[in-house]
Amino acid sequence: MMQELFGEFLGTFILILLGNGVVANVNLEKTYSHGAGWIVITAGWAMAVFIAVFATADLSGAHLNPAVTIGLATAGLFSWTKVIPFILAQIAGAMFGAFTVYLFFKKHFDVTPAPGAKKACFCTGPAIRNFRSNFFSEMTGTFVLVFAVLMITLPQLEYHSLGSTKVGLGSLGALPVALVVFSIGMSLGGTTGYAINPARDFGPRLVHWILPLKNKDDTDWAYAWIPIMGPVTGAVIAALLYQVVLNLS
């Protein structure tokens, strides 16, 4: 069990270090890639997913996302008794990753005047604030992610006991899932910043709230439930559809 939890912690740490790192590279003043734009961010996040999944798949199945963990459990592929420990490890890894991004880019945080640009290096926010629309965006993006993860996982199930905590993404699933995340970011990400991962948003948001940033923006806890409940809802819908697909086959 400790190996799986360490894998989730480490994988989510790598995911946030590289994912939020590319946002910081683009958003913060006086980096060489300042202002590089949305395509760089979406490509960087996709590669962060690839590296994190590839590096930790053999340790824990590389969920790295509470929505994926809940989706697998809802689909009957993961024990519900493991869900809370996995989620706590993911949030801890996300917090450590966000804090490391802060340390890495501290001088650039200090010289960046825009509070919103700095907050975006930690957590997501809507382009147009409308909770119903924002919830739908996060739910839909995560539905695509989790359904794809479940279908990518399907061919590997013959190699795993369904009771195993390691049911998840094998290392060969790293590239397909990275491409799914890249597609979601390019096609659906512009409305909310595509958290599609409760740990990815909540952990770094908590770090943003704690850190003594200069010209600090409001952490916006009023919005924080959207990138938690939207992804969880999308994951459950994806898992239910997955079970329908299996019953039809």
Protein backbone atom coordinates (compact mmCIF):
# COMPACT_ATOMS: atom_id res chain seq x y z
CA MET A 1 0.00 0.00 0.00
CA MET A 2 2.80 2.44 0.86
CA GLN A 3 4.32 1.91 -2.58
CA GLU A 4 1.06 2.87 -4.26
CA LEU A 5 0.64 5.97 -2.09
CA PHE A 6 4.22 7.02 -2.75
CA GLY A 7 3.62 6.53 -6.48
CA GLU A 8 0.54 8.76 -6.36
CA PHE A 9 2.38 11.40 -4.34
CA LEU A 10 5.43 11.36 -6.61
CA GLY A 11 3.45 11.25 -9.84
CA THR A 12 1.19 14.13 -8.84
CA PHE A 13 4.22 16.10 -7.68
CA ILE A 14 5.84 15.67 -11.11
CA LEU A 15 2.56 16.52 -12.84
CA ILE A 16 2.17 19.82 -10.99
CA LEU A 17 5.86 20.72 -11.07
CA LEU A 18 5.90 20.51 -14.87
CA GLY A 19 2.28 21.54 -15.52
CA ASN A 20 2.18 24.58 -13.28
CA GLY A 21 5.80 25.16 -14.24
CA VAL A 22 4.88 25.77 -17.87
CA VAL A 23 2.16 28.20 -16.76
CA ALA A 24 4.72 30.08 -14.66
CA ASN A 25 7.18 30.08 -17.58
CA VAL A 26 4.58 31.74 -19.80
CA ASN A 27 2.88 34.03 -17.27
CA LEU A 28 5.69 35.43 -15.16
CA GLU A 29 7.83 38.42 -16.09
CA LYS A 30 11.43 38.10 -17.31
CA THR A 31 11.38 34.39 -18.18
CA TYR A 32 12.61 33.55 -21.68
CA SER A 33 9.20 32.13 -22.57
CA HIS A 34 7.09 34.95 -21.14
CA GLY A 35 4.01 35.45 -23.30
CA ALA A 36 4.54 32.27 -25.31
CA GLY A 37 0.80 31.56 -25.23
CA TRP A 38 -1.86 28.91 -24.93
CA ILE A 39 -0.35 26.31 -27.24
CA VAL A 40 2.83 26.21 -25.18
CA ILE A 41 0.78 25.79 -22.00
CA THR A 42 -1.38 22.98 -23.41
CA ALA A 43 1.63 21.20 -24.90
CA GLY A 44 3.54 21.57 -21.63
CA TRP A 45 0.66 20.13 -19.62
CA ALA A 46 0.33 17.20 -22.02
CA MET A 47 4.03 16.40 -21.68
CA ALA A 48 3.74 16.76 -17.89
CA VAL A 49 1.02 14.10 -17.94
CA PHE A 50 3.15 11.84 -20.14
CA ILE A 51 6.21 12.06 -17.88
CA ALA A 52 4.27 11.72 -14.63
CA VAL A 53 2.27 8.70 -15.82
CA PHE A 54 5.25 6.99 -17.46
CA ALA A 55 7.40 7.47 -14.35
CA THR A 56 4.91 6.15 -11.79
CA ALA A 57 2.56 3.75 -13.60
CA ASP A 58 4.34 0.68 -12.27
CA LEU A 59 4.17 2.00 -8.71
CA SER A 60 0.48 2.80 -8.40
CA GLY A 61 -1.25 2.67 -11.78
CA ALA A 62 -0.69 6.45 -12.08
CA HIS A 63 -4.15 7.78 -11.30
CA LEU A 64 -2.68 11.17 -10.22
CA ASN A 65 -6.20 12.58 -10.15
CA PRO A 66 -9.07 12.01 -7.70
CA ALA A 67 -11.51 12.01 -10.63
CA VAL A 68 -9.64 9.08 -12.21
CA THR A 69 -9.54 7.23 -8.89
CA ILE A 70 -13.27 7.77 -8.30
CA GLY A 71 -14.02 6.85 -11.92
CA LEU A 72 -12.13 3.56 -11.63
CA ALA A 73 -13.88 2.76 -8.34
CA THR A 74 -17.30 3.59 -9.80
CA ALA A 75 -16.56 1.32 -12.74
CA GLY A 76 -15.73 -1.52 -10.35
CA LEU A 77 -12.04 -1.55 -11.23
CA PHE A 78 -10.64 -0.16 -7.98
CA SER A 79 -11.38 -0.76 -4.31
CA TRP A 80 -13.38 1.99 -2.62
CA THR A 81 -11.33 1.41 0.55
CA LYS A 82 -8.28 2.78 -1.28
CA VAL A 83 -9.97 5.89 -2.66
CA ILE A 84 -9.45 8.29 0.27
CA PRO A 85 -5.77 7.37 0.83
CA PHE A 86 -5.07 7.79 -2.89
CA ILE A 87 -6.79 11.18 -2.97
CA LEU A 88 -4.87 12.40 0.10
CA ALA A 89 -1.58 11.32 -1.49
CA GLN A 90 -2.53 13.12 -4.71
CA ILE A 91 -3.39 16.36 -2.90
CA ALA A 92 -0.14 16.21 -0.91
CA GLY A 93 1.86 15.66 -4.10
CA ALA A 94 0.06 18.55 -5.79
CA MET A 95 0.82 20.86 -2.87
CA PHE A 96 4.48 19.92 -2.86
CA GLY A 97 4.66 20.40 -6.61
CA ALA A 98 3.07 23.86 -6.38
CA PHE A 99 5.42 24.91 -3.59
CA THR A 100 8.40 23.75 -5.63
CA VAL A 101 7.19 25.82 -8.59
CA TYR A 102 7.06 28.81 -6.27
CA LEU A 103 10.63 28.22 -5.07
CA PHE A 104 11.87 27.65 -8.63
CA PHE A 105 10.31 30.86 -9.99
CA LYS A 106 10.45 32.99 -6.83
CA LYS A 107 12.46 35.85 -8.37
CA HIS A 108 10.01 35.94 -11.28
CA PHE A 109 7.01 35.94 -8.93
CA ASP A 110 8.62 38.89 -7.15
CA VAL A 111 8.97 41.01 -10.31
CA THR A 112 5.55 40.15 -11.78
CA PRO A 113 3.04 42.89 -10.88
CA ALA A 114 -0.18 41.19 -12.05
CA PRO A 115 -1.86 39.26 -9.19
CA GLY A 116 -4.01 37.19 -11.58
CA ALA A 117 -1.01 36.06 -13.64
CA LYS A 118 0.62 34.76 -10.47
CA LYS A 119 -2.50 33.03 -9.18
CA ALA A 120 -2.88 31.24 -12.53
CA CYS A 121 0.46 29.56 -11.81
CA PHE A 122 -1.30 27.74 -8.96
CA CYS A 123 -4.97 27.22 -9.73
CA THR A 124 -7.60 27.66 -12.39
CA GLY A 125 -10.27 30.29 -12.93
CA PRO A 126 -13.06 30.93 -15.43
CA ALA A 127 -12.69 33.18 -18.45
CA ILE A 128 -16.35 34.15 -17.99
CA ARG A 129 -17.63 33.63 -14.46
CA ASN A 130 -20.86 31.66 -14.56
CA PHE A 131 -20.95 28.74 -12.15
CA ARG A 132 -23.44 26.69 -14.16
CA SER A 133 -21.41 27.06 -17.35
CA ASN A 134 -18.11 26.63 -15.52
CA PHE A 135 -19.35 23.43 -13.86
CA PHE A 136 -20.47 22.07 -17.23
CA SER A 137 -17.06 22.85 -18.74
CA GLU A 138 -15.17 21.00 -16.02
CA MET A 139 -17.64 18.11 -16.03
CA THR A 140 -17.43 17.68 -19.81
CA GLY A 141 -13.66 17.90 -20.02
CA THR A 142 -13.24 15.36 -17.23
CA PHE A 143 -15.84 13.06 -18.76
CA VAL A 144 -13.70 12.90 -21.92
CA LEU A 145 -10.54 12.32 -19.88
CA VAL A 146 -11.90 9.57 -17.63
CA PHE A 147 -13.80 7.74 -20.35
CA ALA A 148 -10.62 7.72 -22.44
CA VAL A 149 -8.59 6.49 -19.45
CA LEU A 150 -11.07 3.67 -18.85
CA MET A 151 -10.99 2.57 -22.47
CA ILE A 152 -7.19 2.77 -22.57
CA THR A 153 -7.05 0.74 -19.35
CA LEU A 154 -9.40 -1.96 -20.69
CA PRO A 155 -6.85 -3.94 -22.76
CA GLN A 156 -4.52 -4.09 -19.74
CA LEU A 157 -7.05 -5.61 -17.36
CA GLU A 158 -6.20 -9.15 -18.42
CA TYR A 159 -2.78 -8.56 -16.85
CA HIS A 160 -4.15 -7.33 -13.52
CA SER A 161 -6.44 -8.69 -10.88
CA LEU A 162 -9.47 -6.41 -10.61
CA GLY A 163 -8.89 -6.34 -6.86
CA SER A 164 -5.40 -4.95 -7.30
CA THR A 165 -4.77 -1.36 -6.28
CA LYS A 166 -2.53 -1.08 -9.35
CA VAL A 167 -5.36 -1.20 -11.86
CA GLY A 168 -4.92 2.04 -13.74
CA LEU A 169 -2.66 3.29 -16.46
CA GLY A 170 0.30 1.18 -17.45
CA SER A 171 3.37 2.97 -18.78
CA LEU A 172 2.16 2.27 -22.34
CA GLY A 173 -0.92 4.35 -21.54
CA ALA A 174 1.16 7.45 -20.86
CA LEU A 175 1.28 8.73 -24.42
CA PRO A 176 -2.41 8.17 -25.28
CA VAL A 177 -3.53 9.91 -22.09
CA ALA A 178 -1.12 12.80 -22.71
CA LEU A 179 -2.65 13.23 -26.16
CA VAL A 180 -6.14 13.20 -24.64
CA VAL A 181 -5.13 15.95 -22.20
CA PHE A 182 -3.56 17.93 -25.04
CA SER A 183 -6.77 17.62 -27.06
CA ILE A 184 -8.95 18.66 -24.10
CA GLY A 185 -6.76 21.69 -23.49
CA MET A 186 -6.79 22.78 -27.12
CA SER A 187 -10.50 22.13 -27.72
CA LEU A 188 -12.25 22.66 -24.38
CA GLY A 189 -9.76 24.29 -22.03
CA GLY A 190 -10.26 27.95 -22.80
CA THR A 191 -13.39 28.43 -20.70
CA THR A 192 -12.06 27.44 -17.26
CA GLY A 193 -8.40 26.55 -17.71
CA TYR A 194 -9.33 22.83 -17.71
CA ALA A 195 -8.47 21.72 -14.18
CA ILE A 196 -10.11 18.31 -14.91
CA ASN A 197 -8.41 17.16 -11.70
CA PRO A 198 -9.54 18.15 -8.19
CA ALA A 199 -6.09 17.62 -6.64
CA ARG A 200 -4.42 19.68 -9.39
CA ASP A 201 -6.58 22.67 -8.44
CA PHE A 202 -7.25 22.29 -4.71
CA GLY A 203 -3.69 21.49 -3.59
CA PRO A 204 -2.02 24.41 -5.41
CA ARG A 205 -4.92 26.73 -4.50
CA LEU A 206 -4.25 25.95 -0.85
CA VAL A 207 -0.55 26.70 -1.38
CA HIS A 208 -1.43 30.02 -3.04
CA TRP A 209 -3.60 30.89 -0.03
CA ILE A 210 -0.73 30.13 2.39
CA LEU A 211 2.22 31.72 0.57
CA PRO A 212 3.28 35.33 1.25
CA LEU A 213 3.16 36.44 -2.42
CA LYS A 214 3.68 40.10 -3.28
CA ASN A 215 0.57 41.74 -4.80
CA LYS A 216 -1.36 38.61 -3.95
CA ASP A 217 -4.72 38.02 -5.60
CA ASP A 218 -7.74 36.65 -3.77
CA THR A 219 -7.55 32.85 -3.70
CA ASP A 220 -11.24 32.71 -4.73
CA TRP A 221 -12.50 29.92 -2.49
CA ALA A 222 -16.02 30.72 -3.72
CA TYR A 223 -15.06 29.19 -7.08
CA ALA A 224 -12.94 26.34 -5.69
CA TRP A 225 -15.80 23.81 -5.57
CA ILE A 226 -16.22 23.94 -9.37
CA PRO A 227 -12.90 22.22 -10.24
CA ILE A 228 -13.68 19.64 -7.55
CA MET A 229 -17.31 18.72 -8.12
CA GLY A 230 -17.31 19.25 -11.90
CA PRO A 231 -14.54 16.70 -12.48
CA VAL A 232 -15.99 14.21 -9.98
CA THR A 233 -19.38 14.39 -11.71
CA GLY A 234 -17.82 13.95 -15.14
CA ALA A 235 -15.82 10.98 -13.89
CA VAL A 236 -18.90 9.22 -12.50
CA ILE A 237 -20.80 9.74 -15.77
CA ALA A 238 -17.83 8.37 -17.72
CA ALA A 239 -17.67 5.30 -15.47
CA LEU A 240 -21.39 4.62 -15.89
CA LEU A 241 -21.09 4.90 -19.67
CA TYR A 242 -18.07 2.59 -19.57
CA GLN A 243 -20.18 -0.04 -17.80
CA VAL A 244 -22.87 0.32 -20.49
CA VAL A 245 -20.23 -0.20 -23.19
CA LEU A 246 -18.97 -3.34 -21.44
CA ASN A 247 -22.49 -4.73 -21.15
CA LEU A 248 -23.08 -4.14 -24.87
CA SER A 249 -19.89 -5.92 -25.91
